[in-house]
C-alpha atoms as a PDB file:
ATOM      1  CA  MET A   1      39.277 -12.176  18.719  1.00  0.00           C
ATOM      2  CA  LEU A   2      42.305 -10.587  17.476  1.00  0.00           C
ATOM      3  CA  LEU A   3      44.123 -13.982  17.301  1.00  0.00           C
ATOM      4  CA  ASP A   4      41.041 -14.778  14.394  1.00  0.00           C
ATOM      5  CA  LYS A   5      41.075 -11.871  12.579  1.00  0.00           C
ATOM      6  CA  ILE A   6      44.631 -11.467  12.334  1.00  0.00           C
ATOM      7  CA  LEU A   7      46.522 -15.295  12.571  1.00  0.00           C
ATOM      8  CA  LEU A   8      43.715 -16.921  11.156  1.00  0.00           C
ATOM      9  CA  ALA A   9      42.860 -14.142   8.740  1.00  0.00           C
ATOM     10  CA  PRO A  10      42.334 -16.216   5.837  1.00  0.00           C
ATOM     11  CA  TYR A  11      40.082 -18.676   7.668  1.00  0.00           C
ATOM     12  CA  TYR A  12      38.272 -15.973   9.549  1.00  0.00           C
ATOM     13  CA  TRP A  13      37.646 -13.475   6.214  1.00  0.00           C
ATOM     14  CA  SER A  14      36.122 -16.061   4.343  1.00  0.00           C
ATOM     15  CA  LEU A  15      33.421 -17.210   6.552  1.00  0.00           C
ATOM     16  CA  ARG A  16      32.695 -13.529   6.399  1.00  0.00           C
ATOM     17  CA  LEU A  17      32.697 -13.089   2.697  1.00  0.00           C
ATOM     18  CA  ARG A  18      30.494 -16.449   2.252  1.00  0.00           C
ATOM     19  CA  HIS A  19      27.616 -15.152   5.029  1.00  0.00           C
ATOM     20  CA  LYS A  20      28.190 -11.707   3.680  1.00  0.00           C
ATOM     21  CA  LEU A  21      27.213 -13.027  -0.003  1.00  0.00           C
ATOM     22  CA  TYR A  22      23.931 -14.815   1.259  1.00  0.00           C
ATOM     23  CA  ASP A  23      22.878 -11.948   3.662  1.00  0.00           C
ATOM     24  CA  CYS A  24      22.956  -9.331   0.993  1.00  0.00           C
ATOM     25  CA  GLY A  25      20.934 -11.771  -1.804  1.00  0.00           C
ATOM     26  CA  ALA A  26      23.969 -12.585  -3.994  1.00  0.00           C
ATOM     27  CA  LYS A  27      23.746 -15.850  -3.087  1.00  0.00           C
ATOM     28  CA  LYS A  28      20.456 -17.476  -2.815  1.00  0.00           C
ATOM     29  CA  SER A  29      18.598 -18.921   0.223  1.00  0.00           C
ATOM     30  CA  CYS A  30      15.458 -21.073   0.177  1.00  0.00           C
ATOM     31  CA  ASP A  31      12.807 -21.942   2.345  1.00  0.00           C
ATOM     32  CA  SER A  32      10.830 -25.023   3.106  1.00  0.00           C
ATOM     33  CA  PRO A  33       7.498 -25.901   1.875  1.00  0.00           C
ATOM     34  CA  VAL A  34       6.588 -26.503   5.387  1.00  0.00           C
ATOM     35  CA  PRO A  35       7.974 -24.808   8.956  1.00  0.00           C
ATOM     36  CA  THR A  36      11.375 -26.054   9.665  1.00  0.00           C
ATOM     37  CA  ILE A  37      13.118 -25.720  12.463  1.00  0.00           C
ATOM     38  CA  CYS A  38      16.860 -25.668  12.798  1.00  0.00           C
ATOM     39  CA  ILE A  39      19.129 -27.030  15.407  1.00  0.00           C
ATOM     40  CA  GLY A  40      23.412 -26.072  15.392  1.00  0.00           C
ATOM     41  CA  ASN A  41      26.133 -24.950  16.934  1.00  0.00           C
ATOM     42  CA  ILE A  42      29.206 -22.689  16.022  1.00  0.00           C
ATOM     43  CA  THR A  43      31.322 -25.556  17.557  1.00  0.00           C
ATOM     44  CA  VAL A  44      32.554 -28.292  16.432  1.00  0.00           C
ATOM     45  CA  GLY A  45      30.856 -31.276  17.582  1.00  0.00           C
ATOM     46  CA  GLY A  46      30.278 -31.856  21.502  1.00  0.00           C
ATOM     47  CA  THR A  47      27.017 -29.105  22.078  1.00  0.00           C
ATOM     48  CA  GLY A  48      24.372 -32.609  22.828  1.00  0.00           C
ATOM     49  CA  LYS A  49      22.906 -31.630  19.038  1.00  0.00           C
ATOM     50  CA  THR A  50      21.590 -35.572  18.608  1.00  0.00           C
ATOM     51  CA  PRO A  51      19.768 -35.070  22.746  1.00  0.00           C
ATOM     52  CA  HIS A  52      18.903 -31.699  21.997  1.00  0.00           C
ATOM     53  CA  THR A  53      16.845 -32.590  18.550  1.00  0.00           C
ATOM     54  CA  GLU A  54      15.447 -36.014  20.314  1.00  0.00           C
ATOM     55  CA  MET A  55      14.099 -33.136  23.418  1.00  0.00           C
ATOM     56  CA  LEU A  56      12.689 -31.027  20.790  1.00  0.00           C
ATOM     57  CA  ILE A  57      10.528 -34.160  19.114  1.00  0.00           C
ATOM     58  CA  ARG A  58       9.487 -35.177  23.035  1.00  0.00           C
ATOM     59  CA  ILE A  59       8.806 -30.954  23.248  1.00  0.00           C
ATOM     60  CA  LEU A  60       6.650 -31.355  19.740  1.00  0.00           C
ATOM     61  CA  LYS A  61       5.030 -34.510  19.959  1.00  0.00           C
ATOM     62  CA  GLU A  62       3.269 -33.095  23.425  1.00  0.00           C
ATOM     63  CA  SER A  63       2.058 -29.654  21.554  1.00  0.00           C
ATOM     64  CA  PRO A  64      -1.355 -28.789  20.918  1.00  0.00           C
ATOM     65  CA  GLU A  65      -0.292 -28.002  17.339  1.00  0.00           C
ATOM     66  CA  TRP A  66       1.984 -30.463  16.690  1.00  0.00           C
ATOM     67  CA  GLY A  67       1.255 -33.569  18.374  1.00  0.00           C
ATOM     68  CA  GLY A  68      -0.573 -36.075  16.196  1.00  0.00           C
ATOM     69  CA  LYS A  69       0.602 -34.669  13.157  1.00  0.00           C
ATOM     70  CA  ASN A  70       3.746 -35.498  11.285  1.00  0.00           C
ATOM     71  CA  ILE A  71       6.960 -34.692  12.485  1.00  0.00           C
ATOM     72  CA  ALA A  72      10.234 -35.561  10.413  1.00  0.00           C
ATOM     73  CA  VAL A  73      13.992 -34.863  10.878  1.00  0.00           C
ATOM     74  CA  LEU A  74      16.197 -33.982   8.211  1.00  0.00           C
ATOM     75  CA  SER A  75      20.037 -34.679   8.275  1.00  0.00           C
ATOM     76  CA  ARG A  76      22.945 -34.469   6.374  1.00  0.00           C
ATOM     77  CA  GLY A  77      23.602 -38.099   7.575  1.00  0.00           C
ATOM     78  CA  TYR A  78      27.797 -37.453   8.749  1.00  0.00           C
ATOM     79  CA  LYS A  79      30.240 -40.376   7.169  1.00  0.00           C
ATOM     80  CA  ARG A  80      27.181 -42.171   5.885  1.00  0.00           C
ATOM     81  CA  LYS A  81      28.390 -44.577   2.864  1.00  0.00           C
ATOM     82  CA  SER A  82      24.796 -43.676   0.967  1.00  0.00           C
ATOM     83  CA  LYS A  83      24.501 -41.062  -1.533  1.00  0.00           C
ATOM     84  CA  GLY A  84      21.227 -38.331  -2.335  1.00  0.00           C
ATOM     85  CA  PHE A  85      18.360 -38.722  -0.261  1.00  0.00           C
ATOM     86  CA  GLN A  86      17.022 -41.579   1.579  1.00  0.00           C
ATOM     87  CA  THR A  87      14.738 -42.447   4.219  1.00  0.00           C
ATOM     88  CA  VAL A  88      16.039 -44.198   7.492  1.00  0.00           C
ATOM     89  CA  ASP A  89      15.001 -47.898   8.039  1.00  0.00           C
ATOM     90  CA  GLU A  90      15.377 -48.193  11.851  1.00  0.00           C
ATOM     91  CA  ASN A  91      16.518 -51.661  11.047  1.00  0.00           C
ATOM     92  CA  GLY A  92      19.370 -50.549   8.722  1.00  0.00           C
ATOM     93  CA  SER A  93      22.740 -49.550   9.803  1.00  0.00           C
ATOM     94  CA  ALA A  94      24.761 -46.620  10.599  1.00  0.00           C
ATOM     95  CA  ARG A  95      27.068 -47.118   7.529  1.00  0.00           C
ATOM     96  CA  MET A  96      23.552 -46.366   5.072  1.00  0.00           C
ATOM     97  CA  TYR A  97      22.354 -43.280   7.297  1.00  0.00           C
ATOM     98  CA  GLY A  98      24.760 -42.053  10.050  1.00  0.00           C
ATOM     99  CA  ASP A  99      24.693 -43.071  13.694  1.00  0.00           C
ATOM    100  CA  GLU A 100      23.212 -40.002  14.671  1.00  0.00           C
ATOM    101  CA  PRO A 101      20.207 -40.383  12.426  1.00  0.00           C
ATOM    102  CA  LEU A 102      19.490 -44.059  12.994  1.00  0.00           C
ATOM    103  CA  GLN A 103      19.507 -43.499  16.720  1.00  0.00           C
ATOM    104  CA  ILE A 104      16.987 -41.008  16.701  1.00  0.00           C
ATOM    105  CA  LYS A 105      15.123 -43.225  14.477  1.00  0.00           C
ATOM    106  CA  ARG A 106      15.315 -45.884  16.630  1.00  0.00           C
ATOM    107  CA  LYS A 107      14.141 -44.184  19.393  1.00  0.00           C
ATOM    108  CA  PHE A 108      11.144 -42.202  17.883  1.00  0.00           C
ATOM    109  CA  PRO A 109      10.168 -44.990  15.413  1.00  0.00           C
ATOM    110  CA  GLU A 110       6.867 -43.514  14.797  1.00  0.00           C
ATOM    111  CA  ILE A 111       8.492 -40.407  12.847  1.00  0.00           C
ATOM    112  CA  THR A 112      10.092 -39.807   9.593  1.00  0.00           C
ATOM    113  CA  VAL A 113      14.099 -39.981   9.523  1.00  0.00           C
ATOM    114  CA  ALA A 114      15.961 -39.124   6.235  1.00  0.00           C
ATOM    115  CA  VAL A 115      19.231 -37.966   5.409  1.00  0.00           C
ATOM    116  CA  ASP A 116      19.880 -35.600   2.683  1.00  0.00           C
ATOM    117  CA  LYS A 117      22.993 -33.398   2.192  1.00  0.00           C
ATOM    118  CA  ASP A 118      21.146 -30.897   0.324  1.00  0.00           C
ATOM    119  CA  ARG A 119      18.854 -29.788   2.732  1.00  0.00           C
ATOM    120  CA  VAL A 120      16.731 -27.718   0.094  1.00  0.00           C
ATOM    121  CA  HIS A 121      15.863 -31.166  -1.738  1.00  0.00           C
ATOM    122  CA  GLY A 122      15.150 -33.191   1.673  1.00  0.00           C
ATOM    123  CA  CYS A 123      12.806 -30.836   2.781  1.00  0.00           C
ATOM    124  CA  LYS A 124      10.790 -30.749  -0.482  1.00  0.00           C
ATOM    125  CA  MET A 125      11.230 -34.337  -0.403  1.00  0.00           C
ATOM    126  CA  LEU A 126       9.909 -34.780   3.062  1.00  0.00           C
ATOM    127  CA  ALA A 127       6.878 -31.906   2.328  1.00  0.00           C
ATOM    128  CA  GLU A 128       5.793 -34.119  -0.440  1.00  0.00           C
ATOM    129  CA  GLY A 129       5.588 -37.770   1.230  1.00  0.00           C
ATOM    130  CA  ALA A 130       9.634 -39.367   0.164  1.00  0.00           C
ATOM    131  CA  GLU A 131       9.626 -43.116  -1.166  1.00  0.00           C
ATOM    132  CA  ASN A 132      11.040 -45.570   1.712  1.00  0.00           C
ATOM    133  CA  PRO A 133      13.306 -47.911   0.704  1.00  0.00           C
ATOM    134  CA  ASP A 134      10.656 -51.299   0.870  1.00  0.00           C
ATOM    135  CA  GLY A 135       8.136 -48.884  -1.739  1.00  0.00           C
ATOM    136  CA  THR A 136       6.048 -47.120   0.865  1.00  0.00           C
ATOM    137  CA  LYS A 137       5.862 -43.870   1.171  1.00  0.00           C
ATOM    138  CA  THR A 138       6.234 -41.247   4.346  1.00  0.00           C
ATOM    139  CA  PRO A 139       3.494 -38.959   5.454  1.00  0.00           C
ATOM    140  CA  PRO A 140       3.948 -35.889   3.591  1.00  0.00           C
ATOM    141  CA  ALA A 141       5.854 -33.843   6.919  1.00  0.00           C
ATOM    142  CA  ASP A 142       4.200 -31.227   8.718  1.00  0.00           C
ATOM    143  CA  ILE A 143       7.000 -29.885  10.444  1.00  0.00           C
ATOM    144  CA  ILE A 144      11.040 -30.647   9.738  1.00  0.00           C
ATOM    145  CA  ILE A 145      13.917 -30.855  12.305  1.00  0.00           C
ATOM    146  CA  LEU A 146      17.007 -29.726  10.364  1.00  0.00           C
ATOM    147  CA  ASP A 147      19.913 -31.217  12.379  1.00  0.00           C
ATOM    148  CA  ASP A 148      23.117 -29.722  12.302  1.00  0.00           C
ATOM    149  CA  ALA A 149      22.030 -26.855   9.724  1.00  0.00           C
ATOM    150  CA  PHE A 150      22.997 -23.789  11.235  1.00  0.00           C
ATOM    151  CA  GLN A 151      25.681 -23.246   8.782  1.00  0.00           C
ATOM    152  CA  TYR A 152      23.888 -24.826   5.505  1.00  0.00           C
ATOM    153  CA  ARG A 153      23.011 -21.054   4.102  1.00  0.00           C
ATOM    154  CA  ALA A 154      21.082 -22.347   1.193  1.00  0.00           C
ATOM    155  CA  LEU A 155      18.143 -23.215   3.465  1.00  0.00           C
ATOM    156  CA  ARG A 156      16.518 -20.354   5.577  1.00  0.00           C
ATOM    157  CA  PRO A 157      14.888 -21.984   8.338  1.00  0.00           C
ATOM    158  CA  THR A 158      11.579 -20.572  10.317  1.00  0.00           C
ATOM    159  CA  PHE A 159      13.359 -20.879  13.577  1.00  0.00           C
ATOM    160  CA  SER A 160      16.902 -21.098  14.231  1.00  0.00           C
ATOM    161  CA  ILE A 161      18.735 -22.652  17.616  1.00  0.00           C
ATOM    162  CA  VAL A 162      21.978 -22.274  18.801  1.00  0.00           C
ATOM    163  CA  LEU A 163      23.708 -24.480  20.895  1.00  0.00           C
ATOM    164  CA  ILE A 164      26.738 -23.254  23.336  1.00  0.00           C
ATOM    165  CA  ASP A 165      28.505 -25.880  25.305  1.00  0.00           C
ATOM    166  CA  TYR A 166      28.599 -24.415  29.399  1.00  0.00           C
ATOM    167  CA  TRP A 167      32.336 -25.740  29.766  1.00  0.00           C
ATOM    168  CA  ARG A 168      33.645 -24.446  26.082  1.00  0.00           C
ATOM    169  CA  PRO A 169      31.659 -20.982  25.886  1.00  0.00           C
ATOM    170  CA  ILE A 170      32.576 -18.854  22.583  1.00  0.00           C
ATOM    171  CA  PHE A 171      33.732 -15.978  23.583  1.00  0.00           C
ATOM    172  CA  LYS A 172      36.372 -17.928  25.330  1.00  0.00           C
ATOM    173  CA  ASP A 173      36.987 -19.544  22.305  1.00  0.00           C
ATOM    174  CA  HIS A 174      38.856 -19.312  18.930  1.00  0.00           C
ATOM    175  CA  LEU A 175      38.463 -20.782  14.803  1.00  0.00           C
ATOM    176  CA  LEU A 176      39.839 -23.681  14.125  1.00  0.00           C
ATOM    177  CA  PRO A 177      42.674 -24.728  14.185  1.00  0.00           C
ATOM    178  CA  ALA A 178      43.579 -22.563  16.842  1.00  0.00           C
ATOM    179  CA  GLY A 179      40.053 -23.396  18.755  1.00  0.00           C
ATOM    180  CA  HIS A 180      36.613 -25.242  18.539  1.00  0.00           C
ATOM    181  CA  LEU A 181      34.959 -22.833  16.351  1.00  0.00           C
ATOM    182  CA  ARG A 182      33.418 -23.775  13.222  1.00  0.00           C
ATOM    183  CA  ASP A 183      32.062 -20.555  12.232  1.00  0.00           C
ATOM    184  CA  ILE A 184      32.302 -16.914  12.826  1.00  0.00           C
ATOM    185  CA  PRO A 185      31.157 -16.128  16.725  1.00  0.00           C
ATOM    186  CA  GLU A 186      29.050 -13.488  15.711  1.00  0.00           C
ATOM    187  CA  ARG A 187      26.641 -15.732  13.572  1.00  0.00           C
ATOM    188  CA  MET A 188      24.989 -16.916  16.582  1.00  0.00           C
ATOM    189  CA  HIS A 189      23.282 -13.408  16.945  1.00  0.00           C
ATOM    190  CA  LYS A 190      21.226 -14.670  13.336  1.00  0.00           C
ATOM    191  CA  ALA A 191      19.542 -17.322  15.720  1.00  0.00           C
ATOM    192  CA  ASP A 192      16.288 -16.878  16.940  1.00  0.00           C
ATOM    193  CA  LEU A 193      17.065 -18.812  20.603  1.00  0.00           C
ATOM    194  CA  VAL A 194      20.029 -19.718  22.306  1.00  0.00           C
ATOM    195  CA  ILE A 195      20.257 -23.016  24.418  1.00  0.00           C
ATOM    196  CA  VAL A 196      23.680 -23.437  26.561  1.00  0.00           C
ATOM    197  CA  THR A 197      24.069 -27.221  27.091  1.00  0.00           C
ATOM    198  CA  LYS A 198      25.685 -29.474  29.919  1.00  0.00           C
ATOM    199  CA  CYS A 199      24.884 -26.993  32.553  1.00  0.00           C
ATOM    200  CA  PRO A 200      25.356 -28.427  36.318  1.00  0.00           C
ATOM    201  CA  ALA A 201      21.793 -29.571  37.484  1.00  0.00           C
ATOM    202  CA  TYR A 202      21.851 -26.262  39.884  1.00  0.00           C
ATOM    203  CA  ILE A 203      22.386 -23.079  38.192  1.00  0.00           C
ATOM    204  CA  ASP A 204      21.194 -20.201  39.755  1.00  0.00           C
ATOM    205  CA  GLN A 205      19.661 -16.863  38.591  1.00  0.00           C
ATOM    206  CA  TRP A 206      22.949 -14.554  39.256  1.00  0.00           C
ATOM    207  CA  GLU A 207      25.014 -17.085  36.595  1.00  0.00           C
ATOM    208  CA  LYS A 208      22.334 -17.319  34.095  1.00  0.00           C
ATOM    209  CA  SER A 209      21.947 -13.435  34.168  1.00  0.00           C
ATOM    210  CA  LYS A 210      26.002 -13.724  33.856  1.00  0.00           C
ATOM    211  CA  TRP A 211      25.880 -15.949  31.184  1.00  0.00           C
ATOM    212  CA  ILE A 212      23.448 -13.852  28.911  1.00  0.00           C
ATOM    213  CA  GLU A 213      25.640 -10.815  29.938  1.00  0.00           C
ATOM    214  CA  ARG A 214      28.873 -12.673  28.557  1.00  0.00           C
ATOM    215  CA  LEU A 215      26.738 -13.494  25.323  1.00  0.00           C
ATOM    216  CA  GLY A 216      25.016 -10.353  24.759  1.00  0.00           C
ATOM    217  CA  PHE A 217      22.541 -12.337  22.280  1.00  0.00           C
ATOM    218  CA  LYS A 218      19.445 -10.248  22.241  1.00  0.00           C
ATOM    219  CA  GLY A 219      16.760 -12.994  22.345  1.00  0.00           C
ATOM    220  CA  LYS A 220      15.866 -15.580  24.267  1.00  0.00           C
ATOM    221  CA  VAL A 221      19.111 -17.880  26.156  1.00  0.00           C
ATOM    222  CA  PHE A 222      17.705 -21.187  28.007  1.00  0.00           C
ATOM    223  CA  PHE A 223      19.721 -23.753  29.965  1.00  0.00           C
ATOM    224  CA  SER A 224      19.900 -27.328  29.886  1.00  0.00           C
ATOM    225  CA  THR A 225      21.008 -30.260  31.104  1.00  0.00           C
ATOM    226  CA  ILE A 226      22.548 -33.670  29.976  1.00  0.00           C
ATOM    227  CA  GLY A 227      21.593 -36.751  32.100  1.00  0.00           C
ATOM    228  CA  TYR A 228      21.953 -40.305  31.666  1.00  0.00           C
ATOM    229  CA  GLU A 229      20.266 -43.377  31.445  1.00  0.00           C
ATOM    230  CA  ASP A 230      20.725 -47.065  33.079  1.00  0.00           C
ATOM    231  CA  PRO A 231      22.759 -48.966  30.882  1.00  0.00           C
ATOM    232  CA  ALA A 232      20.470 -50.671  28.331  1.00  0.00           C
ATOM    233  CA  PRO A 233      22.232 -54.120  26.555  1.00  0.00           C
ATOM    234  CA  VAL A 234      23.685 -52.940  22.667  1.00  0.00           C
ATOM    235  CA  PHE A 235      22.747 -56.778  21.448  1.00  0.00           C
ATOM    236  CA  THR A 236      19.829 -59.360  22.192  1.00  0.00           C
ATOM    237  CA  GLU A 237      22.587 -61.734  24.002  1.00  0.00           C
ATOM    238  CA  GLY A 238      22.921 -59.039  26.717  1.00  0.00           C
ATOM    239  CA  ASP A 239      23.165 -60.179  30.050  1.00  0.00           C
ATOM    240  CA  PRO A 240      21.323 -57.711  32.435  1.00  0.00           C
ATOM    241  CA  ARG A 241      22.920 -59.204  35.539  1.00  0.00           C
ATOM    242  CA  TYR A 242      26.671 -57.389  34.325  1.00  0.00           C
ATOM    243  CA  ILE A 243      24.937 -53.442  34.832  1.00  0.00           C
ATOM    244  CA  HIS A 244      25.332 -54.635  38.544  1.00  0.00           C
ATOM    245  CA  SER A 245      29.327 -55.238  38.320  1.00  0.00           C
ATOM    246  CA  GLN A 246      31.389 -52.954  40.021  1.00  0.00           C
ATOM    247  CA  ARG A 247      33.817 -52.377  37.161  1.00  0.00           C
ATOM    248  CA  LEU A 248      33.239 -51.185  34.194  1.00  0.00           C
ATOM    249  CA  ILE A 249      35.798 -50.953  30.843  1.00  0.00           C
ATOM    250  CA  LEU A 250      34.244 -47.710  28.394  1.00  0.00           C
ATOM    251  CA  PHE A 251      35.057 -47.097  24.884  1.00  0.00           C
ATOM    252  CA  THR A 252      33.954 -44.355  23.201  1.00  0.00           C
ATOM    253  CA  GLY A 253      33.936 -42.738  19.588  1.00  0.00           C
ATOM    254  CA  ILE A 254      32.375 -38.945  20.183  1.00  0.00           C
ATOM    255  CA  ALA A 255      33.768 -35.238  20.522  1.00  0.00           C
ATOM    256  CA  ASN A 256      34.078 -35.186  24.264  1.00  0.00           C
ATOM    257  CA  ASP A 257      33.178 -38.587  26.944  1.00  0.00           C
ATOM    258  CA  THR A 258      34.486 -36.496  30.072  1.00  0.00           C
ATOM    259  CA  PRO A 259      30.755 -35.966  31.307  1.00  0.00           C
ATOM    260  CA  LEU A 260      30.035 -39.458  30.438  1.00  0.00           C
ATOM    261  CA  ALA A 261      32.654 -40.737  32.230  1.00  0.00           C
ATOM    262  CA  LYS A 262      31.951 -38.731  35.507  1.00  0.00           C
ATOM    263  CA  GLN A 263      28.886 -39.822  35.645  1.00  0.00           C
ATOM    264  CA  LEU A 264      30.130 -44.081  35.617  1.00  0.00           C
ATOM    265  CA  SER A 265      32.991 -43.288  37.638  1.00  0.00           C
ATOM    266  CA  GLY A 266      30.689 -42.563  40.568  1.00  0.00           C
ATOM    267  CA  ARG A 267      28.780 -45.835  40.305  1.00  0.00           C
ATOM    268  CA  TYR A 268      31.953 -48.270  38.588  1.00  0.00           C
ATOM    269  CA  SER A 269      35.372 -48.318  39.154  1.00  0.00           C
ATOM    270  CA  ILE A 270      36.629 -47.792  35.417  1.00  0.00           C
ATOM    271  CA  VAL A 271      39.198 -49.999  35.097  1.00  0.00           C
ATOM    272  CA  ARG A 272      39.761 -49.858  30.633  1.00  0.00           C
ATOM    273  CA  ARG A 273      39.020 -46.063  29.377  1.00  0.00           C
ATOM    274  CA  PHE A 274      39.371 -46.480  24.982  1.00  0.00           C
ATOM    275  CA  ARG A 275      38.601 -43.324  23.279  1.00  0.00           C
ATOM    276  CA  PHE A 276      38.657 -43.167  19.711  1.00  0.00           C
ATOM    277  CA  GLY A 277      37.687 -39.883  17.414  1.00  0.00           C
ATOM    278  CA  ASP A 278      34.534 -38.646  16.846  1.00  0.00           C
ATOM    279  CA  HIS A 279      32.154 -40.753  14.900  1.00  0.00           C
ATOM    280  CA  HIS A 280      34.946 -43.588  14.515  1.00  0.00           C
ATOM    281  CA  LYS A 281      34.515 -46.277  12.854  1.00  0.00           C
ATOM    282  CA  PHE A 282      35.275 -49.286  14.986  1.00  0.00           C
ATOM    283  CA  SER A 283      37.332 -51.954  12.940  1.00  0.00           C
ATOM    284  CA  THR A 284      38.223 -55.389  14.100  1.00  0.00           C
ATOM    285  CA  SER A 285      41.277 -54.299  15.488  1.00  0.00           C
ATOM    286  CA  ASP A 286      39.210 -52.318  17.985  1.00  0.00           C
ATOM    287  CA  ILE A 287      37.251 -54.853  18.707  1.00  0.00           C
ATOM    288  CA  MET A 288      40.140 -56.901  19.860  1.00  0.00           C
ATOM    289  CA  THR A 289      41.279 -54.536  21.793  1.00  0.00           C
ATOM    290  CA  ILE A 290      38.195 -54.553  23.689  1.00  0.00           C
ATOM    291  CA  ASP A 291      37.712 -58.166  23.880  1.00  0.00           C
ATOM    292  CA  ARG A 292      41.009 -58.423  25.530  1.00  0.00           C
ATOM    293  CA  ALA A 293      40.304 -56.570  28.095  1.00  0.00           C
ATOM    294  CA  ALA A 294      36.980 -58.120  28.503  1.00  0.00           C
ATOM    295  CA  ALA A 295      38.926 -61.291  29.022  1.00  0.00           C
ATOM    296  CA  LYS A 296      41.224 -59.732  31.690  1.00  0.00           C
ATOM    297  CA  PHE A 297      38.788 -57.900  33.552  1.00  0.00           C
ATOM    298  CA  SER A 298      36.056 -61.060  33.511  1.00  0.00           C
ATOM    299  CA  THR A 299      33.449 -59.746  35.527  1.00  0.00           C
ATOM    300  CA  ALA A 300      33.733 -55.654  33.452  1.00  0.00           C
ATOM    301  CA  ILE A 301      30.623 -54.553  32.464  1.00  0.00           C
ATOM    302  CA  VAL A 302      31.586 -53.305  29.332  1.00  0.00           C
ATOM    303  CA  ALA A 303      29.848 -49.723  28.144  1.00  0.00           C
ATOM    304  CA  THR A 304      29.763 -46.967  25.521  1.00  0.00           C
ATOM    305  CA  THR A 305      27.722 -44.432  24.209  1.00  0.00           C
ATOM    306  CA  GLU A 306      24.415 -44.895  22.773  1.00  0.00           C
ATOM    307  CA  LYS A 307      25.745 -42.797  19.728  1.00  0.00           C
ATOM    308  CA  ASP A 308      28.765 -45.012  19.119  1.00  0.00           C
ATOM    309  CA  ALA A 309      26.335 -48.388  20.065  1.00  0.00           C
ATOM    310  CA  GLN A 310      24.487 -47.820  16.192  1.00  0.00           C
ATOM    311  CA  ARG A 311      27.840 -47.852  14.661  1.00  0.00           C
ATOM    312  CA  LEU A 312      28.759 -51.559  16.757  1.00  0.00           C
ATOM    313  CA  TYR A 313      26.214 -53.357  14.631  1.00  0.00           C
ATOM    314  CA  ASP A 314      28.089 -52.756  11.486  1.00  0.00           C
ATOM    315  CA  SER A 315      31.539 -53.806  13.218  1.00  0.00           C
ATOM    316  CA  LYS A 316      32.869 -57.400  12.529  1.00  0.00           C
ATOM    317  CA  GLY A 317      35.030 -59.755  14.994  1.00  0.00           C
ATOM    318  CA  MET A 318      32.020 -58.860  17.960  1.00  0.00           C
ATOM    319  CA  THR A 319      32.600 -62.186  19.800  1.00  0.00           C
ATOM    320  CA  ALA A 320      30.106 -63.792  21.974  1.00  0.00           C
ATOM    321  CA  ARG A 321      31.619 -62.137  25.598  1.00  0.00           C
ATOM    322  CA  LEU A 322      30.965 -58.553  23.819  1.00  0.00           C
ATOM    323  CA  LYS A 323      28.256 -59.330  22.895  1.00  0.00           C
ATOM    324  CA  GLU A 324      26.701 -60.465  26.223  1.00  0.00           C
ATOM    325  CA  ARG A 325      29.056 -57.640  28.174  1.00  0.00           C
ATOM    326  CA  MET A 326      28.247 -54.592  26.380  1.00  0.00           C
ATOM    327  CA  PHE A 327      26.025 -51.941  27.025  1.00  0.00           C
ATOM    328  CA  LYS A 328      24.993 -48.926  25.864  1.00  0.00           C
ATOM    329  CA  ILE A 329      24.491 -45.803  27.991  1.00  0.00           C
ATOM    330  CA  PRO A 330      21.490 -43.834  26.808  1.00  0.00           C
ATOM    331  CA  ILE A 331      21.912 -39.700  26.671  1.00  0.00           C
ATOM    332  CA  ARG A 332      18.746 -37.377  27.743  1.00  0.00           C
ATOM    333  CA  ALA A 333      18.630 -33.454  27.697  1.00  0.00           C
ATOM    334  CA  ASP A 334      16.420 -31.809  29.789  1.00  0.00           C
ATOM    335  CA  PHE A 335      15.992 -27.928  30.374  1.00  0.00           C
ATOM    336  CA  VAL A 336      17.045 -26.782  34.021  1.00  0.00           C
ATOM    337  CA  SER A 337      13.237 -26.448  35.198  1.00  0.00           C
ATOM    338  CA  GLU A 338       9.761 -26.815  34.400  1.00  0.00           C
ATOM    339  CA  ASP A 339       9.582 -23.101  33.425  1.00  0.00           C
ATOM    340  CA  GLU A 340      12.069 -23.058  30.824  1.00  0.00           C
ATOM    341  CA  LYS A 341      10.608 -25.843  29.314  1.00  0.00           C
ATOM    342  CA  LYS A 342       7.113 -24.107  28.947  1.00  0.00           C
ATOM    343  CA  MET A 343       8.007 -20.897  28.095  1.00  0.00           C
ATOM    344  CA  PHE A 344      10.487 -23.037  25.292  1.00  0.00           C
ATOM    345  CA  ALA A 345       7.802 -24.831  23.882  1.00  0.00           C
ATOM    346  CA  GLU A 346       6.023 -21.990  23.591  1.00  0.00           C
ATOM    347  CA  THR A 347       8.419 -20.227  22.017  1.00  0.00           C
ATOM    348  CA  ILE A 348       8.172 -22.702  19.570  1.00  0.00           C
ATOM    349  CA  GLU A 349       5.044 -23.440  18.656  1.00  0.00           C
ATOM    350  CA  ARG A 350       3.822 -19.367  18.200  1.00  0.00           C
ATOM    351  CA  ALA A 351       7.279 -19.039  16.001  1.00  0.00           C
ATOM    352  CA  THR A 352       6.281 -22.193  13.701  1.00  0.00           C
ATOM    353  CA  THR A 353       2.792 -21.418  13.396  1.00  0.00           C
ATOM    354  CA  LEU A 354       2.609 -17.804  12.590  1.00  0.00           C
ATOM    355  CA  ARG A 355       4.431 -18.009   9.408  1.00  0.00           C
END
């Protein structure tokens, strides 16, 4: 970390000072009225926070302790246009709530999903039972998942999980702008648990041991994979016959679309590929560019990520051709083994009930 401490010294030491102020109590950290689980990372994007948040929701719903109780998710709502605390309506827009909270709400309409830049205030609102846009009230949350809140030191979570990308290990990375680290790597040791994400489907015990040794993390380390499910139509006009096409046009606005492209290339010939920035707002010009490619390759399926699909409902200029041929690729995170899943579930339940 010589590069970080010398060439990037102002950023490095400002981060160190900020954490020191919280650690010594000079800056205040608050507890939530109900148990909270924080899912975060040390790097900028690409570790799979949203699919792991969804995985945690599934595990809590199956839990003897939390199954049947009121589970809530609180997010900042990155790049949303609204202000303050908002509960997410599944029929709303990414412009209002952000793409990731909207995706989670549409997948799990039975739970409460909310956005608030002030996580302390957001937890208080959820614990009390917040008011929905239609005037109804959400049930008071029994447990809250904090999406991307590891750097939010004003709130002290009950349990913290840090995600580390298998293909971008923090011990080989550097602070921004030289690398992808948004925080000092030693902050990882403040987490209760680490998940190495996006692992190959088959990772043996020797490789796991080497990872744990390189990380130097004293707590539990788990390993997960990312899988992609069958294409699903983005719009109601979607024609399922295009799923069986041999050609595919891919467009994405995420941090890293290489795993998705690799997965799809095993099934389709990718004839055009458009890559935009993370959380990209698709303009009319972007839609026209994709539509021209669809016109050129008249039998090709047009595919995007599940997260990008949330922003497409806000896009102007969507043609009938694209609505018919546009499909999203659902993503799912799972542990590499059932034993790890069981151990993780037991760890979470124990940590959130003994408080």
